Every structure is written in structure tokens, then in C-alpha cells.
Amino acid sequence: MHKTPRDISGRELCKLLGRFGYTVTRQTGSHIRLSALQAVRIHHITIPNHDPVKIGTLNKILHDIAEFQKISKEDLLQQLWG
């Protein structure tokens, strides 16, 4: 079982999500917008550019990404920080 990290910055998370095809599409203030295209579906996610990202916010982001990727959150954690 892999625990959600508590010390990751928004920038670091954006880089890690590149493994899943997410790219920065815009930045407004302290929020970074990432998008991923999968077949005919597109997924947008907003990452706060904070250091560190609050654990509740990070969990919500990871849950949304796991749902879009059709994998479990545990599998996502393993692939990002395994």
C-alpha cells in the first residue's frame, strides 16, 4: 500500500502527471490547468501552484485522475511514486 505524499508541490505534481499525458494548457495566478486527451475524451484538472499542495486537495486531484484513467487510486499512487 502506497501512502499519498504530504510534501509535494504543485509544480512537482504537474511534472509527474506528464507520465499520463497531461500537459499544461494555461496558468492563471497560482493555479495551473492541465489537460489530457484519451481517444475522444479530454480531461481538465486544475492544480494549485502551492508548496506543498494540501492533502485533501491532492487526494481529490488523484481521485479524479484515477477515475478518468480507469485505474484505482492505489495503482495511480504506485505508478507515480512506486
N, C-alpha and C. Protein backbone atom coordinates (compact mmCIF):
# COMPACT_ATOMS: atom_id res chain seq x y z
N MET A 1 0.85 -1.18 0.00
CA MET A 1 0.00 0.00 0.00
C MET A 1 0.89 1.24 0.00
N HIS A 2 0.62 2.14 -0.90
CA HIS A 2 1.43 3.34 -1.05
C HIS A 2 0.68 4.53 -0.48
N LYS A 3 1.32 5.30 0.40
CA LYS A 3 0.68 6.45 1.01
C LYS A 3 0.81 7.67 0.11
N THR A 4 -0.20 8.53 0.19
CA THR A 4 -0.17 9.80 -0.54
C THR A 4 0.89 10.69 0.09
N PRO A 5 1.80 11.24 -0.72
CA PRO A 5 2.84 12.10 -0.15
C PRO A 5 2.23 13.40 0.40
N ARG A 6 2.82 13.91 1.44
CA ARG A 6 2.30 15.12 2.08
C ARG A 6 3.17 16.34 1.82
N ASP A 7 4.20 16.17 1.01
CA ASP A 7 5.14 17.29 0.83
C ASP A 7 5.40 17.60 -0.64
N ILE A 8 4.43 17.34 -1.51
CA ILE A 8 4.64 17.58 -2.94
C ILE A 8 4.10 18.95 -3.34
N SER A 9 4.85 19.63 -4.19
CA SER A 9 4.42 20.94 -4.67
C SER A 9 3.56 20.77 -5.91
N GLY A 10 2.85 21.81 -6.25
CA GLY A 10 2.02 21.79 -7.46
C GLY A 10 2.86 21.57 -8.71
N ARG A 11 4.03 22.20 -8.78
CA ARG A 11 4.92 22.04 -9.94
C ARG A 11 5.40 20.59 -10.08
N GLU A 12 5.80 19.99 -8.96
CA GLU A 12 6.27 18.59 -8.99
C GLU A 12 5.14 17.67 -9.47
N LEU A 13 3.93 17.91 -8.98
CA LEU A 13 2.79 17.09 -9.37
C LEU A 13 2.53 17.22 -10.87
N CYS A 14 2.63 18.42 -11.40
CA CYS A 14 2.43 18.63 -12.84
C CYS A 14 3.43 17.82 -13.65
N LYS A 15 4.68 17.81 -13.23
CA LYS A 15 5.71 17.04 -13.93
C LYS A 15 5.40 15.55 -13.90
N LEU A 16 5.01 15.04 -12.72
CA LEU A 16 4.69 13.62 -12.58
C LEU A 16 3.50 13.22 -13.46
N LEU A 17 2.51 14.11 -13.56
CA LEU A 17 1.32 13.78 -14.33
C LEU A 17 1.58 13.75 -15.84
N GLY A 18 2.73 14.28 -16.25
CA GLY A 18 3.14 14.18 -17.65
C GLY A 18 3.23 12.73 -18.11
N ARG A 19 3.50 11.81 -17.18
CA ARG A 19 3.56 10.37 -17.50
C ARG A 19 2.22 9.85 -18.01
N PHE A 20 1.14 10.53 -17.64
CA PHE A 20 -0.19 10.12 -18.05
C PHE A 20 -0.74 10.98 -19.19
N GLY A 21 0.14 11.74 -19.82
CA GLY A 21 -0.27 12.54 -20.97
C GLY A 21 -0.82 13.91 -20.64
N TYR A 22 -0.69 14.34 -19.39
CA TYR A 22 -1.18 15.66 -19.00
C TYR A 22 -0.15 16.72 -19.38
N THR A 23 -0.63 17.78 -19.98
CA THR A 23 0.24 18.91 -20.33
C THR A 23 -0.39 20.20 -19.80
N VAL A 24 0.45 21.17 -19.51
CA VAL A 24 -0.04 22.46 -19.03
C VAL A 24 -0.70 23.18 -20.20
N THR A 25 -1.96 23.57 -20.00
CA THR A 25 -2.66 24.31 -21.05
C THR A 25 -2.79 25.79 -20.73
N ARG A 26 -2.71 26.13 -19.45
CA ARG A 26 -2.69 27.54 -19.06
C ARG A 26 -2.38 27.67 -17.59
N GLN A 27 -1.99 28.88 -17.21
CA GLN A 27 -1.78 29.17 -15.80
C GLN A 27 -2.39 30.53 -15.50
N THR A 28 -3.24 30.56 -14.49
CA THR A 28 -3.87 31.80 -14.08
C THR A 28 -3.56 32.00 -12.60
N GLY A 29 -2.79 33.02 -12.29
CA GLY A 29 -2.43 33.25 -10.90
C GLY A 29 -1.68 32.06 -10.34
N SER A 30 -2.18 31.52 -9.23
CA SER A 30 -1.47 30.42 -8.59
C SER A 30 -2.08 29.06 -8.93
N HIS A 31 -2.82 28.98 -10.03
CA HIS A 31 -3.42 27.71 -10.43
C HIS A 31 -2.96 27.32 -11.83
N ILE A 32 -2.62 26.06 -11.99
CA ILE A 32 -2.12 25.53 -13.26
C ILE A 32 -3.18 24.60 -13.82
N ARG A 33 -3.55 24.80 -15.07
CA ARG A 33 -4.55 23.95 -15.73
C ARG A 33 -3.83 22.93 -16.59
N LEU A 34 -4.11 21.64 -16.36
CA LEU A 34 -3.55 20.55 -17.16
C LEU A 34 -4.67 19.89 -17.94
N SER A 35 -4.33 19.36 -19.10
CA SER A 35 -5.30 18.64 -19.91
C SER A 35 -4.67 17.37 -20.44
N ALA A 36 -5.50 16.34 -20.57
CA ALA A 36 -5.06 15.07 -21.15
C ALA A 36 -6.12 14.62 -22.14
N LEU A 37 -5.68 14.11 -23.27
CA LEU A 37 -6.58 13.61 -24.30
C LEU A 37 -6.44 12.10 -24.35
N GLN A 38 -7.57 11.41 -24.32
CA GLN A 38 -7.56 9.95 -24.35
C GLN A 38 -8.67 9.53 -25.30
N ALA A 39 -8.30 9.02 -26.46
CA ALA A 39 -9.26 8.66 -27.52
C ALA A 39 -10.05 9.92 -27.86
N VAL A 40 -11.34 9.93 -27.59
CA VAL A 40 -12.14 11.12 -27.91
C VAL A 40 -12.53 11.89 -26.64
N ARG A 41 -11.95 11.49 -25.50
CA ARG A 41 -12.25 12.17 -24.24
C ARG A 41 -11.10 13.09 -23.86
N ILE A 42 -11.46 14.22 -23.28
CA ILE A 42 -10.43 15.14 -22.79
C ILE A 42 -10.71 15.40 -21.31
N HIS A 43 -9.66 15.46 -20.54
CA HIS A 43 -9.79 15.68 -19.09
C HIS A 43 -9.00 16.91 -18.70
N HIS A 44 -9.66 17.83 -18.01
CA HIS A 44 -9.01 19.03 -17.49
C HIS A 44 -8.93 18.91 -15.99
N ILE A 45 -7.81 19.31 -15.44
CA ILE A 45 -7.63 19.31 -13.99
C ILE A 45 -6.87 20.57 -13.60
N THR A 46 -7.24 21.17 -12.50
CA THR A 46 -6.58 22.38 -12.02
C THR A 46 -5.75 22.02 -10.79
N ILE A 47 -4.48 22.38 -10.86
CA ILE A 47 -3.54 22.10 -9.78
C ILE A 47 -3.13 23.43 -9.14
N PRO A 48 -3.29 23.57 -7.82
CA PRO A 48 -2.80 24.79 -7.18
C PRO A 48 -1.27 24.79 -7.16
N ASN A 49 -0.68 25.91 -7.51
CA ASN A 49 0.78 26.03 -7.52
C ASN A 49 1.25 26.40 -6.11
N HIS A 50 1.01 25.50 -5.17
CA HIS A 50 1.39 25.70 -3.77
C HIS A 50 2.47 24.70 -3.39
N ASP A 51 3.19 25.01 -2.34
CA ASP A 51 4.22 24.09 -1.86
C ASP A 51 4.12 24.00 -0.33
N PRO A 52 3.56 22.94 0.18
CA PRO A 52 3.01 21.78 -0.51
C PRO A 52 1.52 21.96 -0.84
N VAL A 53 1.01 21.10 -1.72
CA VAL A 53 -0.42 21.05 -2.01
C VAL A 53 -1.09 20.41 -0.79
N LYS A 54 -2.20 20.97 -0.33
CA LYS A 54 -2.90 20.43 0.84
C LYS A 54 -3.33 18.99 0.55
N ILE A 55 -3.28 18.15 1.57
CA ILE A 55 -3.53 16.72 1.40
C ILE A 55 -4.95 16.43 0.89
N GLY A 56 -5.94 17.16 1.35
CA GLY A 56 -7.31 16.96 0.87
C GLY A 56 -7.44 17.31 -0.60
N THR A 57 -6.82 18.40 -1.01
CA THR A 57 -6.82 18.82 -2.41
C THR A 57 -6.10 17.79 -3.26
N LEU A 58 -4.96 17.32 -2.81
CA LEU A 58 -4.18 16.32 -3.54
C LEU A 58 -4.98 15.03 -3.70
N ASN A 59 -5.65 14.59 -2.64
CA ASN A 59 -6.46 13.37 -2.72
C ASN A 59 -7.58 13.51 -3.73
N LYS A 60 -8.23 14.67 -3.79
CA LYS A 60 -9.30 14.90 -4.76
C LYS A 60 -8.76 14.87 -6.18
N ILE A 61 -7.63 15.51 -6.40
CA ILE A 61 -7.00 15.53 -7.73
C ILE A 61 -6.65 14.10 -8.16
N LEU A 62 -6.02 13.34 -7.27
CA LEU A 62 -5.62 11.97 -7.60
C LEU A 62 -6.83 11.08 -7.86
N HIS A 63 -7.90 11.28 -7.09
CA HIS A 63 -9.13 10.51 -7.30
C HIS A 63 -9.71 10.80 -8.69
N ASP A 64 -9.78 12.08 -9.05
CA ASP A 64 -10.32 12.46 -10.37
C ASP A 64 -9.48 11.86 -11.50
N ILE A 65 -8.17 11.90 -11.37
CA ILE A 65 -7.29 11.36 -12.41
C ILE A 65 -7.43 9.85 -12.51
N ALA A 66 -7.48 9.17 -11.37
CA ALA A 66 -7.64 7.71 -11.38
C ALA A 66 -8.95 7.33 -12.05
N GLU A 67 -10.00 8.07 -11.77
CA GLU A 67 -11.31 7.80 -12.38
C GLU A 67 -11.24 7.98 -13.89
N PHE A 68 -10.63 9.07 -14.36
CA PHE A 68 -10.50 9.32 -15.80
C PHE A 68 -9.65 8.24 -16.47
N GLN A 69 -8.57 7.82 -15.81
CA GLN A 69 -7.67 6.82 -16.38
C GLN A 69 -8.21 5.40 -16.24
N LYS A 70 -9.30 5.26 -15.50
CA LYS A 70 -9.93 3.96 -15.26
C LYS A 70 -8.99 2.99 -14.55
N ILE A 71 -8.31 3.53 -13.54
CA ILE A 71 -7.46 2.70 -12.69
C ILE A 71 -7.81 3.05 -11.24
N SER A 72 -7.37 2.24 -10.32
CA SER A 72 -7.62 2.54 -8.91
C SER A 72 -6.66 3.65 -8.46
N LYS A 73 -7.06 4.34 -7.41
CA LYS A 73 -6.19 5.38 -6.86
C LYS A 73 -4.88 4.76 -6.38
N GLU A 74 -4.96 3.55 -5.82
CA GLU A 74 -3.77 2.83 -5.35
C GLU A 74 -2.81 2.57 -6.52
N ASP A 75 -3.34 2.15 -7.68
CA ASP A 75 -2.50 1.93 -8.86
C ASP A 75 -1.86 3.23 -9.33
N LEU A 76 -2.63 4.31 -9.28
CA LEU A 76 -2.10 5.61 -9.67
C LEU A 76 -0.95 6.02 -8.74
N LEU A 77 -1.14 5.86 -7.44
CA LEU A 77 -0.08 6.19 -6.48
C LEU A 77 1.17 5.35 -6.76
N GLN A 78 0.97 4.07 -7.03
CA GLN A 78 2.09 3.17 -7.32
C GLN A 78 2.85 3.63 -8.56
N GLN A 79 2.13 4.03 -9.61
CA GLN A 79 2.78 4.44 -10.85
C GLN A 79 3.49 5.79 -10.70
N LEU A 80 2.94 6.68 -9.87
CA LEU A 80 3.56 7.99 -9.69
C LEU A 80 4.75 7.94 -8.73
N TRP A 81 4.60 7.23 -7.61
CA TRP A 81 5.64 7.23 -6.58
C TRP A 81 6.21 5.86 -6.27
N GLY A 82 5.83 4.83 -7.06
CA GLY A 82 6.26 3.47 -6.79
C GLY A 82 7.71 3.32 -6.86
